Protein backbone atom coordinates (compact mmCIF):
# COMPACT_ATOMS: atom_id res chain seq x y z
CA LEU A 1 13.87 6.64 10.14
CA ILE A 2 13.54 4.20 13.03
CA PRO A 3 9.91 3.35 12.07
CA GLU A 4 11.01 2.51 8.50
CA PHE A 5 13.80 0.33 9.86
CA SER A 6 11.44 -1.58 12.16
CA ILE A 7 8.73 -1.91 9.48
CA GLY A 8 11.36 -3.24 7.09
CA ALA A 9 12.44 -5.77 9.72
CA THR A 10 8.86 -6.88 10.38
CA ILE A 11 8.00 -7.32 6.70
CA GLY A 12 11.37 -8.94 6.03
CA ILE A 13 10.72 -11.49 8.79
CA ALA A 14 7.24 -12.24 7.44
CA GLN A 15 8.62 -12.77 3.94
CA TRP A 16 11.52 -14.80 5.33
CA LEU A 17 9.05 -17.23 6.90
CA ILE A 18 7.78 -17.98 3.39
CA LEU A 19 11.23 -18.02 1.73
CA ARG A 20 13.20 -20.08 4.24
CA PRO A 21 11.92 -23.52 3.21
CA LEU A 22 12.56 -22.65 -0.44
CA VAL A 23 15.88 -20.82 -0.38
CA SER A 24 19.12 -21.50 1.48
CA ASN A 25 20.50 -18.66 3.61
CA ALA A 26 17.18 -16.78 3.37
CA GLY A 27 18.04 -14.92 6.59
CA TRP A 28 19.84 -12.30 4.52
CA TRP A 29 16.42 -11.33 3.15
CA ILE A 30 15.61 -9.74 6.53
CA VAL A 31 18.79 -7.66 6.49
CA ALA A 32 18.19 -6.62 2.87
CA SER A 33 14.59 -5.64 3.64
CA MET A 34 15.69 -3.48 6.57
CA ALA A 35 18.38 -1.81 4.47
CA GLY A 36 15.97 -1.16 1.58
CA TRP A 37 13.36 0.39 3.87
CA PHE A 38 15.98 2.54 5.58
CA ILE A 39 17.58 3.80 2.35
CA GLY A 40 14.18 4.24 0.70
CA GLY A 41 12.89 6.19 3.71
CA LEU A 42 16.00 8.35 3.76
CA ASN A 43 15.56 9.04 0.06
CA LEU A 44 11.94 10.08 0.62
CA LEU A 45 12.96 12.51 3.36
CA ILE A 46 15.80 14.12 1.45
CA ILE A 47 15.18 13.89 -2.28
CA THR A 48 11.68 12.90 -3.43
CA PRO A 49 8.96 15.57 -3.41
CA PRO A 50 5.99 14.30 -1.38
CA THR A 51 3.47 15.64 -3.91
CA LEU A 52 4.42 13.05 -6.53
CA GLU A 53 2.81 10.04 -4.85
CA THR A 54 3.16 7.53 -7.69
CA VAL A 55 6.77 8.52 -8.39
CA THR A 56 7.50 8.47 -4.66
CA GLY A 57 6.07 4.96 -4.40
CA ALA A 58 8.07 3.74 -7.40
CA ILE A 59 11.33 5.16 -6.04
CA PHE A 60 10.70 3.77 -2.56
CA GLY A 61 9.79 0.37 -4.01
CA ALA A 62 12.86 0.40 -6.23
CA TRP A 63 15.16 0.91 -3.23
CA ILE A 64 13.52 -1.95 -1.37
CA GLY A 65 13.60 -4.11 -4.49
CA LEU A 66 17.26 -3.31 -5.14
CA ALA A 67 18.31 -4.30 -1.64
CA GLN A 68 16.29 -7.53 -1.82
CA TRP A 69 17.51 -8.27 -5.34
CA ILE A 70 21.09 -8.40 -4.06
CA VAL A 71 20.02 -11.44 -2.03
CA LEU A 72 17.53 -12.87 -4.53
CA ARG A 73 19.94 -12.86 -7.49
CA LYS A 74 21.91 -15.71 -5.94
CA TRP A 75 18.93 -18.05 -6.23
CA VAL A 76 16.69 -16.76 -9.01
CA PRO A 77 17.98 -16.35 -12.59
CA LEU A 78 15.15 -13.96 -13.53
CA SER A 79 15.62 -11.90 -10.37
CA GLY A 80 16.14 -8.65 -12.29
CA TRP A 81 12.36 -8.54 -12.65
CA TRP A 82 12.13 -8.12 -8.87
CA LEU A 83 13.17 -4.46 -9.14
CA ALA A 84 10.32 -3.73 -11.57
CA ILE A 85 7.81 -5.75 -9.54
CA SER A 86 8.73 -3.96 -6.34
CA ALA A 87 8.72 -0.49 -7.91
CA LEU A 88 5.40 -1.15 -9.68
CA SER A 89 3.69 -2.47 -6.56
CA TRP A 90 4.70 0.56 -4.50
CA ALA A 91 3.76 2.96 -7.31
CA ILE A 92 0.29 1.43 -7.47
CA GLY A 93 -0.01 1.48 -3.68
CA PHE A 94 0.99 5.14 -3.42
CA SER A 95 -1.00 6.26 -6.48
CA GLY A 96 -4.24 6.86 -4.63
CA LEU A 97 -6.16 4.45 -6.86
CA VAL A 98 -7.16 2.53 -3.76
CA GLY A 99 -8.11 3.86 -0.35
CA SER A 100 -5.57 4.08 2.46
CA PRO A 101 -6.70 0.86 4.17
CA PHE A 102 -5.89 -1.11 1.03
CA VAL A 103 -2.41 0.24 0.26
CA GLY A 104 -0.62 -2.54 2.15
CA ALA A 105 -2.89 -5.17 0.64
CA ILE A 106 -2.15 -3.97 -2.90
CA ILE A 107 1.60 -3.80 -2.33
CA GLY A 108 1.66 -7.17 -0.59
CA SER A 109 -0.47 -8.80 -3.26
CA VAL A 110 1.55 -7.54 -6.23
CA THR A 111 4.92 -8.35 -4.64
CA GLY A 112 3.66 -11.71 -3.35
CA ILE A 113 2.38 -12.78 -6.76
CA GLY A 114 5.55 -11.51 -8.43
CA LEU A 115 7.86 -13.33 -6.03
CA GLU A 116 5.83 -16.52 -6.34
CA LEU A 117 6.09 -16.38 -10.14
CA LEU A 118 9.83 -15.73 -10.01
CA LEU A 119 10.36 -18.67 -7.68
CA ARG A 120 8.04 -20.94 -9.68
CA TYR A 121 9.82 -20.30 -12.98
CA SER A 122 13.21 -20.68 -11.34
CA LYS A 123 12.29 -23.99 -9.70
CA GLY A 124 15.26 -26.24 -9.13
CA ASN A 125 17.78 -23.46 -9.84
CA PHE A 126 18.54 -22.51 -6.23
C-alpha cells in the first residue's frame, strides 16, 4: 500500500498547485488525496474482485472522491457531484475502453474538467 500512498501524495500535490490560489487551506487536499488512495487501495486488495475492472475503478474512484469531498465541501456548494465525477472517471479509466498508456490521461481529464466546472459554478462562494 506504500505505492498507493505515495501516488496519492504526488497527485494530491499536483492538484493542490492548481487549487491553492483558488481555495483557502487547500493543503488539506493533499492529506485527503493520500487517505483516499490508501483506503481505496486497501479496499481493492481486500474486497473488490480484480476481474471486475469497471466496478473496481468506480469503487476506487469513489474512495478517493469521498476523501477529497470532505475537504471540497467546505468551499463548493455543489461538491456532492465530486463523488460521482471521481467514480465515473476511474470507472472509465479501468474499463479497458482505452489502452493502458491513456488510463491516467482519461482519469485526469475527466476529473480535471469536473473540478473546473464545480469551481466555476461555485465562483465567489469560497
